[in-house]
Amino acid sequence: FFQSNCEGEVVTCLHNCYFNSYDGAVINPGAHTHYSYAIYDAIKAIAPIPVVEVHISDIHSREAFRQVSVTAPACVAQIAGKGYDGYFEAVKLLADLK
């Protein structure tokens, strides 16, 4: 588990997933979802490690600018609007990929 409000620290954490040979990662990029091409690039860089993007709220029913995720296209899936259960669903999805 890792949490940071700093974009660069999130990028470093994703890189560490690669260097530590993780089987997968779950990320809630928060506000970074809407503008962080650095996080997008980091997710792409750690391939073939699958990453699932999770949002507690349904970003697709929010303001127009919050409906766009620049990080989701780098992920194997996006789960939104399922509350904290979305994290469990993401881990299950990753386990099913193994």
PDB file of N, CA and C in Angstrom:
ATOM      1  N   PHE A   1       0.847  -1.182   0.000  1.00  0.00           N
ATOM      2  CA  PHE A   1       0.000   0.000   0.000  1.00  0.00           C
ATOM      3  C   PHE A   1       0.883   1.232   0.000  1.00  0.00           C
ATOM      4  N   PHE A   2       0.471   2.219  -0.752  1.00  0.00           N
ATOM      5  CA  PHE A   2       1.232   3.456  -0.868  1.00  0.00           C
ATOM      6  C   PHE A   2       0.250   4.582  -1.145  1.00  0.00           C
ATOM      7  N   GLN A   3       0.462   5.737  -0.540  1.00  0.00           N
ATOM      8  CA  GLN A   3      -0.361   6.909  -0.796  1.00  0.00           C
ATOM      9  C   GLN A   3       0.537   8.115  -0.850  1.00  0.00           C
ATOM     10  N   SER A   4       0.283   8.956  -1.836  1.00  0.00           N
ATOM     11  CA  SER A   4       0.992  10.227  -1.923  1.00  0.00           C
ATOM     12  C   SER A   4       0.164  11.198  -2.736  1.00  0.00           C
ATOM     13  N   ASN A   5       0.261  12.455  -2.392  1.00  0.00           N
ATOM     14  CA  ASN A   5      -0.357  13.508  -3.182  1.00  0.00           C
ATOM     15  C   ASN A   5       0.614  14.063  -4.212  1.00  0.00           C
ATOM     16  N   CYS A   6       1.830  13.546  -4.218  1.00  0.00           N
ATOM     17  CA  CYS A   6       2.883  14.054  -5.107  1.00  0.00           C
ATOM     18  C   CYS A   6       3.017  13.152  -6.328  1.00  0.00           C
ATOM     19  N   GLU A   7       2.803  13.719  -7.484  1.00  0.00           N
ATOM     20  CA  GLU A   7       2.842  12.969  -8.735  1.00  0.00           C
ATOM     21  C   GLU A   7       4.147  12.192  -8.913  1.00  0.00           C
ATOM     22  N   GLY A   8       5.271  12.821  -8.645  1.00  0.00           N
ATOM     23  CA  GLY A   8       6.563  12.158  -8.816  1.00  0.00           C
ATOM     24  C   GLY A   8       6.729  10.950  -7.912  1.00  0.00           C
ATOM     25  N   GLU A   9       6.195  11.014  -6.708  1.00  0.00           N
ATOM     26  CA  GLU A   9       6.274   9.871  -5.797  1.00  0.00           C
ATOM     27  C   GLU A   9       5.418   8.714  -6.296  1.00  0.00           C
ATOM     28  N   VAL A  10       4.283   9.022  -6.920  1.00  0.00           N
ATOM     29  CA  VAL A  10       3.441   7.975  -7.504  1.00  0.00           C
ATOM     30  C   VAL A  10       4.176   7.308  -8.661  1.00  0.00           C
ATOM     31  N   VAL A  11       4.834   8.108  -9.490  1.00  0.00           N
ATOM     32  CA  VAL A  11       5.627   7.570 -10.600  1.00  0.00           C
ATOM     33  C   VAL A  11       6.726   6.650 -10.067  1.00  0.00           C
ATOM     34  N   THR A  12       7.435   7.096  -9.040  1.00  0.00           N
ATOM     35  CA  THR A  12       8.488   6.269  -8.440  1.00  0.00           C
ATOM     36  C   THR A  12       7.919   4.970  -7.896  1.00  0.00           C
ATOM     37  N   CYS A  13       6.775   5.022  -7.250  1.00  0.00           N
ATOM     38  CA  CYS A  13       6.147   3.811  -6.710  1.00  0.00           C
ATOM     39  C   CYS A  13       5.815   2.842  -7.840  1.00  0.00           C
ATOM     40  N   LEU A  14       5.280   3.352  -8.935  1.00  0.00           N
ATOM     41  CA  LEU A  14       4.977   2.483 -10.079  1.00  0.00           C
ATOM     42  C   LEU A  14       6.248   1.856 -10.629  1.00  0.00           C
ATOM     43  N   HIS A  15       7.293   2.635 -10.755  1.00  0.00           N
ATOM     44  CA  HIS A  15       8.575   2.081 -11.223  1.00  0.00           C
ATOM     45  C   HIS A  15       9.068   0.983 -10.275  1.00  0.00           C
ATOM     46  N   ASN A  16       8.890   1.195  -8.982  1.00  0.00           N
ATOM     47  CA  ASN A  16       9.308   0.189  -7.999  1.00  0.00           C
ATOM     48  C   ASN A  16       8.509  -1.109  -8.143  1.00  0.00           C
ATOM     49  N   CYS A  17       7.272  -1.012  -8.612  1.00  0.00           N
ATOM     50  CA  CYS A  17       6.496  -2.235  -8.884  1.00  0.00           C
ATOM     51  C   CYS A  17       7.229  -3.085  -9.915  1.00  0.00           C
ATOM     52  N   TYR A  18       7.800  -2.440 -10.897  1.00  0.00           N
ATOM     53  CA  TYR A  18       8.554  -3.153 -11.930  1.00  0.00           C
ATOM     54  C   TYR A  18       9.841  -3.735 -11.348  1.00  0.00           C
ATOM     55  N   PHE A  19      10.610  -2.892 -10.666  1.00  0.00           N
ATOM     56  CA  PHE A  19      11.904  -3.338 -10.147  1.00  0.00           C
ATOM     57  C   PHE A  19      11.770  -4.416  -9.075  1.00  0.00           C
ATOM     58  N   ASN A  20      10.625  -4.464  -8.401  1.00  0.00           N
ATOM     59  CA  ASN A  20      10.379  -5.492  -7.387  1.00  0.00           C
ATOM     60  C   ASN A  20       9.566  -6.662  -7.936  1.00  0.00           C
ATOM     61  N   SER A  21       9.355  -6.686  -9.235  1.00  0.00           N
ATOM     62  CA  SER A  21       8.671  -7.788  -9.927  1.00  0.00           C
ATOM     63  C   SER A  21       7.272  -8.074  -9.380  1.00  0.00           C
ATOM     64  N   TYR A  22       6.481  -7.027  -9.169  1.00  0.00           N
ATOM     65  CA  TYR A  22       5.111  -7.223  -8.709  1.00  0.00           C
ATOM     66  C   TYR A  22       4.290  -7.894  -9.804  1.00  0.00           C
ATOM     67  N   ASP A  23       3.253  -8.590  -9.396  1.00  0.00           N
ATOM     68  CA  ASP A  23       2.370  -9.261 -10.348  1.00  0.00           C
ATOM     69  C   ASP A  23       1.298  -8.328 -10.892  1.00  0.00           C
ATOM     70  N   GLY A  24       1.050  -7.219 -10.229  1.00  0.00           N
ATOM     71  CA  GLY A  24       0.020  -6.276 -10.658  1.00  0.00           C
ATOM     72  C   GLY A  24      -0.028  -5.102  -9.708  1.00  0.00           C
ATOM     73  N   ALA A  25      -0.800  -4.093 -10.099  1.00  0.00           N
ATOM     74  CA  ALA A  25      -0.939  -2.904  -9.262  1.00  0.00           C
ATOM     75  C   ALA A  25      -2.348  -2.345  -9.402  1.00  0.00           C
ATOM     76  N   VAL A  26      -2.834  -1.767  -8.315  1.00  0.00           N
ATOM     77  CA  VAL A  26      -4.108  -1.074  -8.282  1.00  0.00           C
ATOM     78  C   VAL A  26      -3.791   0.378  -7.960  1.00  0.00           C
ATOM     79  N   ILE A  27      -4.360   1.288  -8.751  1.00  0.00           N
ATOM     80  CA  ILE A  27      -4.074   2.701  -8.534  1.00  0.00           C
ATOM     81  C   ILE A  27      -5.363   3.514  -8.529  1.00  0.00           C
ATOM     82  N   ASN A  28      -5.437   4.441  -7.586  1.00  0.00           N
ATOM     83  CA  ASN A  28      -6.468   5.471  -7.598  1.00  0.00           C
ATOM     84  C   ASN A  28      -5.713   6.781  -7.756  1.00  0.00           C
ATOM     85  N   PRO A  29      -5.598   7.281  -8.989  1.00  0.00           N
ATOM     86  CA  PRO A  29      -4.790   8.472  -9.200  1.00  0.00           C
ATOM     87  C   PRO A  29      -5.434   9.776  -8.729  1.00  0.00           C
ATOM     88  N   GLY A  30      -6.648   9.713  -8.212  1.00  0.00           N
ATOM     89  CA  GLY A  30      -7.306  10.921  -7.725  1.00  0.00           C
ATOM     90  C   GLY A  30      -7.355  11.992  -8.801  1.00  0.00           C
ATOM     91  N   ALA A  31      -7.053  13.217  -8.436  1.00  0.00           N
ATOM     92  CA  ALA A  31      -7.093  14.331  -9.394  1.00  0.00           C
ATOM     93  C   ALA A  31      -6.064  14.168 -10.506  1.00  0.00           C
ATOM     94  N   HIS A  32      -5.007  13.405 -10.246  1.00  0.00           N
ATOM     95  CA  HIS A  32      -4.003  13.161 -11.293  1.00  0.00           C
ATOM     96  C   HIS A  32      -4.620  12.441 -12.495  1.00  0.00           C
ATOM     97  N   THR A  33      -5.737  11.767 -12.268  1.00  0.00           N
ATOM     98  CA  THR A  33      -6.449  11.044 -13.325  1.00  0.00           C
ATOM     99  C   THR A  33      -6.663  11.916 -14.553  1.00  0.00           C
ATOM    100  N   HIS A  34      -6.953  13.176 -14.323  1.00  0.00           N
ATOM    101  CA  HIS A  34      -7.431  14.050 -15.383  1.00  0.00           C
ATOM    102  C   HIS A  34      -6.329  14.785 -16.138  1.00  0.00           C
ATOM    103  N   TYR A  35      -5.074  14.676 -15.670  1.00  0.00           N
ATOM    104  CA  TYR A  35      -4.025  15.435 -16.354  1.00  0.00           C
ATOM    105  C   TYR A  35      -2.636  14.808 -16.315  1.00  0.00           C
ATOM    106  N   SER A  36      -2.437  13.712 -15.612  1.00  0.00           N
ATOM    107  CA  SER A  36      -1.079  13.228 -15.402  1.00  0.00           C
ATOM    108  C   SER A  36      -0.596  12.265 -16.483  1.00  0.00           C
ATOM    109  N   TYR A  37       0.020  12.836 -17.483  1.00  0.00           N
ATOM    110  CA  TYR A  37       0.657  12.005 -18.498  1.00  0.00           C
ATOM    111  C   TYR A  37       1.926  11.365 -17.946  1.00  0.00           C
ATOM    112  N   ALA A  38       2.475  11.908 -16.882  1.00  0.00           N
ATOM    113  CA  ALA A  38       3.631  11.281 -16.234  1.00  0.00           C
ATOM    114  C   ALA A  38       3.222   9.941 -15.616  1.00  0.00           C
ATOM    115  N   ILE A  39       2.070   9.898 -14.973  1.00  0.00           N
ATOM    116  CA  ILE A  39       1.583   8.639 -14.408  1.00  0.00           C
ATOM    117  C   ILE A  39       1.182   7.687 -15.533  1.00  0.00           C
ATOM    118  N   TYR A  40       0.547   8.204 -16.578  1.00  0.00           N
ATOM    119  CA  TYR A  40       0.245   7.381 -17.758  1.00  0.00           C
ATOM    120  C   TYR A  40       1.522   6.727 -18.286  1.00  0.00           C
ATOM    121  N   ASP A  41       2.563   7.526 -18.472  1.00  0.00           N
ATOM    122  CA  ASP A  41       3.834   7.008 -18.989  1.00  0.00           C
ATOM    123  C   ASP A  41       4.442   5.967 -18.051  1.00  0.00           C
ATOM    124  N   ALA A  42       4.328   6.195 -16.755  1.00  0.00           N
ATOM    125  CA  ALA A  42       4.878   5.245 -15.783  1.00  0.00           C
ATOM    126  C   ALA A  42       4.131   3.912 -15.847  1.00  0.00           C
ATOM    127  N   ILE A  43       2.818   3.967 -16.004  1.00  0.00           N
ATOM    128  CA  ILE A  43       2.034   2.733 -16.116  1.00  0.00           C
ATOM    129  C   ILE A  43       2.443   1.983 -17.384  1.00  0.00           C
ATOM    130  N   LYS A  44       2.576   2.702 -18.490  1.00  0.00           N
ATOM    131  CA  LYS A  44       3.002   2.073 -19.745  1.00  0.00           C
ATOM    132  C   LYS A  44       4.411   1.491 -19.617  1.00  0.00           C
ATOM    133  N   ALA A  45       5.276   2.177 -18.874  1.00  0.00           N
ATOM    134  CA  ALA A  45       6.677   1.762 -18.751  1.00  0.00           C
ATOM    135  C   ALA A  45       6.845   0.472 -17.963  1.00  0.00           C
ATOM    136  N   ILE A  46       5.898   0.165 -17.078  1.00  0.00           N
ATOM    137  CA  ILE A  46       6.074  -1.035 -16.260  1.00  0.00           C
ATOM    138  C   ILE A  46       5.434  -2.275 -16.888  1.00  0.00           C
ATOM    139  N   ALA A  47       4.914  -2.132 -18.093  1.00  0.00           N
ATOM    140  CA  ALA A  47       4.369  -3.292 -18.797  1.00  0.00           C
ATOM    141  C   ALA A  47       5.440  -4.370 -18.842  1.00  0.00           C
ATOM    142  N   PRO A  48       5.083  -5.600 -18.675  1.00  0.00           N
ATOM    143  CA  PRO A  48       3.749  -6.188 -18.775  1.00  0.00           C
ATOM    144  C   PRO A  48       2.981  -6.288 -17.458  1.00  0.00           C
ATOM    145  N   ILE A  49       3.392  -5.560 -16.427  1.00  0.00           N
ATOM    146  CA  ILE A  49       2.656  -5.597 -15.159  1.00  0.00           C
ATOM    147  C   ILE A  49       1.286  -4.942 -15.379  1.00  0.00           C
ATOM    148  N   PRO A  50       0.190  -5.671 -15.135  1.00  0.00           N
ATOM    149  CA  PRO A  50      -1.134  -5.079 -15.319  1.00  0.00           C
ATOM    150  C   PRO A  50      -1.480  -4.117 -14.179  1.00  0.00           C
ATOM    151  N   VAL A  51      -2.110  -3.013 -14.554  1.00  0.00           N
ATOM    152  CA  VAL A  51      -2.526  -1.996 -13.590  1.00  0.00           C
ATOM    153  C   VAL A  51      -4.021  -1.755 -13.771  1.00  0.00           C
ATOM    154  N   VAL A  52      -4.749  -1.721 -12.656  1.00  0.00           N
ATOM    155  CA  VAL A  52      -6.176  -1.425 -12.668  1.00  0.00           C
ATOM    156  C   VAL A  52      -6.379  -0.081 -11.984  1.00  0.00           C
ATOM    157  N   GLU A  53      -7.107   0.801 -12.673  1.00  0.00           N
ATOM    158  CA  GLU A  53      -7.434   2.119 -12.116  1.00  0.00           C
ATOM    159  C   GLU A  53      -8.762   2.034 -11.374  1.00  0.00           C
ATOM    160  N   VAL A  54      -8.799   2.548 -10.149  1.00  0.00           N
ATOM    161  CA  VAL A  54     -10.001   2.515  -9.312  1.00  0.00           C
ATOM    162  C   VAL A  54     -10.369   3.932  -8.893  1.00  0.00           C
ATOM    163  N   HIS A  55     -11.669   4.201  -8.909  1.00  0.00           N
ATOM    164  CA  HIS A  55     -12.209   5.458  -8.385  1.00  0.00           C
ATOM    165  C   HIS A  55     -13.382   5.114  -7.476  1.00  0.00           C
ATOM    166  N   ILE A  56     -13.384   5.657  -6.286  1.00  0.00           N
ATOM    167  CA  ILE A  56     -14.458   5.392  -5.327  1.00  0.00           C
ATOM    168  C   ILE A  56     -15.781   5.936  -5.861  1.00  0.00           C
ATOM    169  N   SER A  57     -15.747   7.141  -6.418  1.00  0.00           N
ATOM    170  CA  SER A  57     -16.959   7.732  -6.993  1.00  0.00           C
ATOM    171  C   SER A  57     -17.036   7.378  -8.483  1.00  0.00           C
ATOM    172  N   ASP A  58     -18.206   7.624  -9.065  1.00  0.00           N
ATOM    173  CA  ASP A  58     -18.383   7.385 -10.497  1.00  0.00           C
ATOM    174  C   ASP A  58     -17.956   8.635 -11.246  1.00  0.00           C
ATOM    175  N   ILE A  59     -16.715   8.630 -11.726  1.00  0.00           N
ATOM    176  CA  ILE A  59     -16.203   9.824 -12.399  1.00  0.00           C
ATOM    177  C   ILE A  59     -16.981  10.127 -13.677  1.00  0.00           C
ATOM    178  N   HIS A  60     -17.658   9.140 -14.232  1.00  0.00           N
ATOM    179  CA  HIS A  60     -18.390   9.329 -15.486  1.00  0.00           C
ATOM    180  C   HIS A  60     -19.711  10.066 -15.290  1.00  0.00           C
ATOM    181  N   SER A  61     -20.099  10.283 -14.055  1.00  0.00           N
ATOM    182  CA  SER A  61     -21.330  11.035 -13.784  1.00  0.00           C
ATOM    183  C   SER A  61     -21.027  12.385 -13.136  1.00  0.00           C
ATOM    184  N   ARG A  62     -19.771  12.772 -13.156  1.00  0.00           N
ATOM    185  CA  ARG A  62     -19.374  14.050 -12.559  1.00  0.00           C
ATOM    186  C   ARG A  62     -19.260  15.123 -13.640  1.00  0.00           C
ATOM    187  N   GLU A  63     -18.657  16.246 -13.307  1.00  0.00           N
ATOM    188  CA  GLU A  63     -18.472  17.323 -14.269  1.00  0.00           C
ATOM    189  C   GLU A  63     -17.703  16.800 -15.483  1.00  0.00           C
ATOM    190  N   ALA A  64     -17.919  17.430 -16.627  1.00  0.00           N
ATOM    191  CA  ALA A  64     -17.330  16.955 -17.886  1.00  0.00           C
ATOM    192  C   ALA A  64     -15.813  16.781 -17.788  1.00  0.00           C
ATOM    193  N   PHE A  65     -15.121  17.732 -17.158  1.00  0.00           N
ATOM    194  CA  PHE A  65     -13.662  17.639 -17.101  1.00  0.00           C
ATOM    195  C   PHE A  65     -13.200  16.514 -16.175  1.00  0.00           C
ATOM    196  N   ARG A  66     -14.062  16.065 -15.265  1.00  0.00           N
ATOM    197  CA  ARG A  66     -13.705  14.962 -14.372  1.00  0.00           C
ATOM    198  C   ARG A  66     -14.051  13.592 -14.969  1.00  0.00           C
ATOM    199  N   GLN A  67     -14.727  13.579 -16.096  1.00  0.00           N
ATOM    200  CA  GLN A  67     -15.096  12.315 -16.733  1.00  0.00           C
ATOM    201  C   GLN A  67     -13.964  11.737 -17.568  1.00  0.00           C
ATOM    202  N   VAL A  68     -12.984  12.556 -17.866  1.00  0.00           N
ATOM    203  CA  VAL A  68     -11.874  12.128 -18.716  1.00  0.00           C
ATOM    204  C   VAL A  68     -10.720  11.631 -17.846  1.00  0.00           C
ATOM    205  N   SER A  69     -10.279  10.417 -18.150  1.00  0.00           N
ATOM    206  CA  SER A  69      -9.097   9.868 -17.484  1.00  0.00           C
ATOM    207  C   SER A  69      -8.000   9.718 -18.521  1.00  0.00           C
ATOM    208  N   VAL A  70      -6.896  10.415 -18.306  1.00  0.00           N
ATOM    209  CA  VAL A  70      -5.758  10.261 -19.222  1.00  0.00           C
ATOM    210  C   VAL A  70      -4.926   9.043 -18.842  1.00  0.00           C
ATOM    211  N   THR A  71      -5.134   8.508 -17.646  1.00  0.00           N
ATOM    212  CA  THR A  71      -4.354   7.353 -17.197  1.00  0.00           C
ATOM    213  C   THR A  71      -5.022   6.018 -17.547  1.00  0.00           C
ATOM    214  N   ALA A  72      -6.336   5.985 -17.665  1.00  0.00           N
ATOM    215  CA  ALA A  72      -7.061   4.739 -17.912  1.00  0.00           C
ATOM    216  C   ALA A  72      -6.608   3.994 -19.169  1.00  0.00           C
ATOM    217  N   PRO A  73      -6.301   4.679 -20.272  1.00  0.00           N
ATOM    218  CA  PRO A  73      -5.887   3.929 -21.464  1.00  0.00           C
ATOM    219  C   PRO A  73      -4.606   3.102 -21.262  1.00  0.00           C
ATOM    220  N   ALA A  74      -3.821   3.419 -20.263  1.00  0.00           N
ATOM    221  CA  ALA A  74      -2.608   2.647 -19.976  1.00  0.00           C
ATOM    222  C   ALA A  74      -2.905   1.440 -19.085  1.00  0.00           C
ATOM    223  N   CYS A  75      -4.105   1.386 -18.528  1.00  0.00           N
ATOM    224  CA  CYS A  75      -4.480   0.327 -17.581  1.00  0.00           C
ATOM    225  C   CYS A  75      -5.231  -0.799 -18.279  1.00  0.00           C
ATOM    226  N   VAL A  76      -5.272  -1.951 -17.627  1.00  0.00           N
ATOM    227  CA  VAL A  76      -6.027  -3.080 -18.181  1.00  0.00           C
ATOM    228  C   VAL A  76      -7.520  -2.930 -17.923  1.00  0.00           C
ATOM    229  N   ALA A  77      -7.896  -2.115 -16.941  1.00  0.00           N
ATOM    230  CA  ALA A  77      -9.301  -1.896 -16.621  1.00  0.00           C
ATOM    231  C   ALA A  77      -9.432  -0.652 -15.751  1.00  0.00           C
ATOM    232  N   GLN A  78     -10.651  -0.121 -15.741  1.00  0.00           N
ATOM    233  CA  GLN A  78     -10.992   0.977 -14.839  1.00  0.00           C
ATOM    234  C   GLN A  78     -12.274   0.577 -14.114  1.00  0.00           C
ATOM    235  N   ILE A  79     -12.270   0.753 -12.805  1.00  0.00           N
ATOM    236  CA  ILE A  79     -13.440   0.467 -11.984  1.00  0.00           C
ATOM    237  C   ILE A  79     -13.804   1.764 -11.279  1.00  0.00           C
ATOM    238  N   ALA A  80     -15.049   2.196 -11.462  1.00  0.00           N
ATOM    239  CA  ALA A  80     -15.464   3.482 -10.886  1.00  0.00           C
ATOM    240  C   ALA A  80     -16.868   3.372 -10.310  1.00  0.00           C
ATOM    241  N   GLY A  81     -17.074   4.084  -9.213  1.00  0.00           N
ATOM    242  CA  GLY A  81     -18.408   4.202  -8.647  1.00  0.00           C
ATOM    243  C   GLY A  81     -18.860   3.048  -7.782  1.00  0.00           C
ATOM    244  N   LYS A  82     -17.949   2.212  -7.344  1.00  0.00           N
ATOM    245  CA  LYS A  82     -18.327   1.072  -6.508  1.00  0.00           C
ATOM    246  C   LYS A  82     -17.840   1.230  -5.080  1.00  0.00           C
ATOM    247  N   GLY A  83     -17.488   2.452  -4.709  1.00  0.00           N
ATOM    248  CA  GLY A  83     -17.003   2.689  -3.362  1.00  0.00           C
ATOM    249  C   GLY A  83     -15.712   1.923  -3.112  1.00  0.00           C
ATOM    250  N   TYR A  84     -15.502   1.581  -1.867  1.00  0.00           N
ATOM    251  CA  TYR A  84     -14.288   0.854  -1.512  1.00  0.00           C
ATOM    252  C   TYR A  84     -14.283  -0.567  -2.073  1.00  0.00           C
ATOM    253  N   ASP A  85     -15.457  -1.091  -2.394  1.00  0.00           N
ATOM    254  CA  ASP A  85     -15.527  -2.427  -2.993  1.00  0.00           C
ATOM    255  C   ASP A  85     -14.793  -2.477  -4.335  1.00  0.00           C
ATOM    256  N   GLY A  86     -14.619  -1.325  -4.967  1.00  0.00           N
ATOM    257  CA  GLY A  86     -13.884  -1.281  -6.227  1.00  0.00           C
ATOM    258  C   GLY A  86     -12.457  -1.775  -6.082  1.00  0.00           C
ATOM    259  N   TYR A  87     -11.864  -1.546  -4.918  1.00  0.00           N
ATOM    260  CA  TYR A  87     -10.504  -2.037  -4.688  1.00  0.00           C
ATOM    261  C   TYR A  87     -10.465  -3.567  -4.646  1.00  0.00           C
ATOM    262  N   PHE A  88     -11.457  -4.161  -3.986  1.00  0.00           N
ATOM    263  CA  PHE A  88     -11.531  -5.625  -3.941  1.00  0.00           C
ATOM    264  C   PHE A  88     -11.765  -6.196  -5.333  1.00  0.00           C
ATOM    265  N   GLU A  89     -12.623  -5.535  -6.091  1.00  0.00           N
ATOM    266  CA  GLU A  89     -12.886  -5.982  -7.457  1.00  0.00           C
ATOM    267  C   GLU A  89     -11.613  -5.902  -8.307  1.00  0.00           C
ATOM    268  N   ALA A  90     -10.831  -4.857  -8.106  1.00  0.00           N
ATOM    269  CA  ALA A  90      -9.584  -4.701  -8.856  1.00  0.00           C
ATOM    270  C   ALA A  90      -8.592  -5.810  -8.529  1.00  0.00           C
ATOM    271  N   VAL A  91      -8.459  -6.135  -7.258  1.00  0.00           N
ATOM    272  CA  VAL A  91      -7.539  -7.206  -6.857  1.00  0.00           C
ATOM    273  C   VAL A  91      -8.016  -8.541  -7.420  1.00  0.00           C
ATOM    274  N   LYS A  92      -9.321  -8.778  -7.384  1.00  0.00           N
ATOM    275  CA  LYS A  92      -9.861 -10.020  -7.954  1.00  0.00           C
ATOM    276  C   LYS A  92      -9.576 -10.075  -9.453  1.00  0.00           C
ATOM    277  N   LEU A  93      -9.776  -8.977 -10.136  1.00  0.00           N
ATOM    278  CA  LEU A  93      -9.496  -8.934 -11.567  1.00  0.00           C
ATOM    279  C   LEU A  93      -8.043  -9.275 -11.842  1.00  0.00           C
ATOM    280  N   LEU A  94      -7.133  -8.703 -11.065  1.00  0.00           N
ATOM    281  CA  LEU A  94      -5.706  -8.998 -11.239  1.00  0.00           C
ATOM    282  C   LEU A  94      -5.409 -10.465 -10.964  1.00  0.00           C
ATOM    283  N   ALA A  95      -6.031 -11.008  -9.907  1.00  0.00           N
ATOM    284  CA  ALA A  95      -5.816 -12.423  -9.581  1.00  0.00           C
ATOM    285  C   ALA A  95      -6.313 -13.324 -10.707  1.00  0.00           C
ATOM    286  N   ASP A  96      -7.417 -12.945 -11.325  1.00  0.00           N
ATOM    287  CA  ASP A  96      -7.975 -13.737 -12.423  1.00  0.00           C
ATOM    288  C   ASP A  96      -7.087 -13.686 -13.666  1.00  0.00           C
ATOM    289  N   LEU A  97      -6.242 -12.671 -13.780  1.00  0.00           N
ATOM    290  CA  LEU A  97      -5.334 -12.562 -14.916  1.00  0.00           C
ATOM    291  C   LEU A  97      -4.159 -13.523 -14.802  1.00  0.00           C
ATOM    292  N   LYS A  98      -3.867 -13.982 -13.583  1.00  0.00           N
ATOM    293  CA  LYS A  98      -2.718 -14.877 -13.344  1.00  0.00           C
ATOM    294  C   LYS A  98      -2.926 -16.233 -13.893  1.00  0.00           C
TER     295      LYS A  98
END
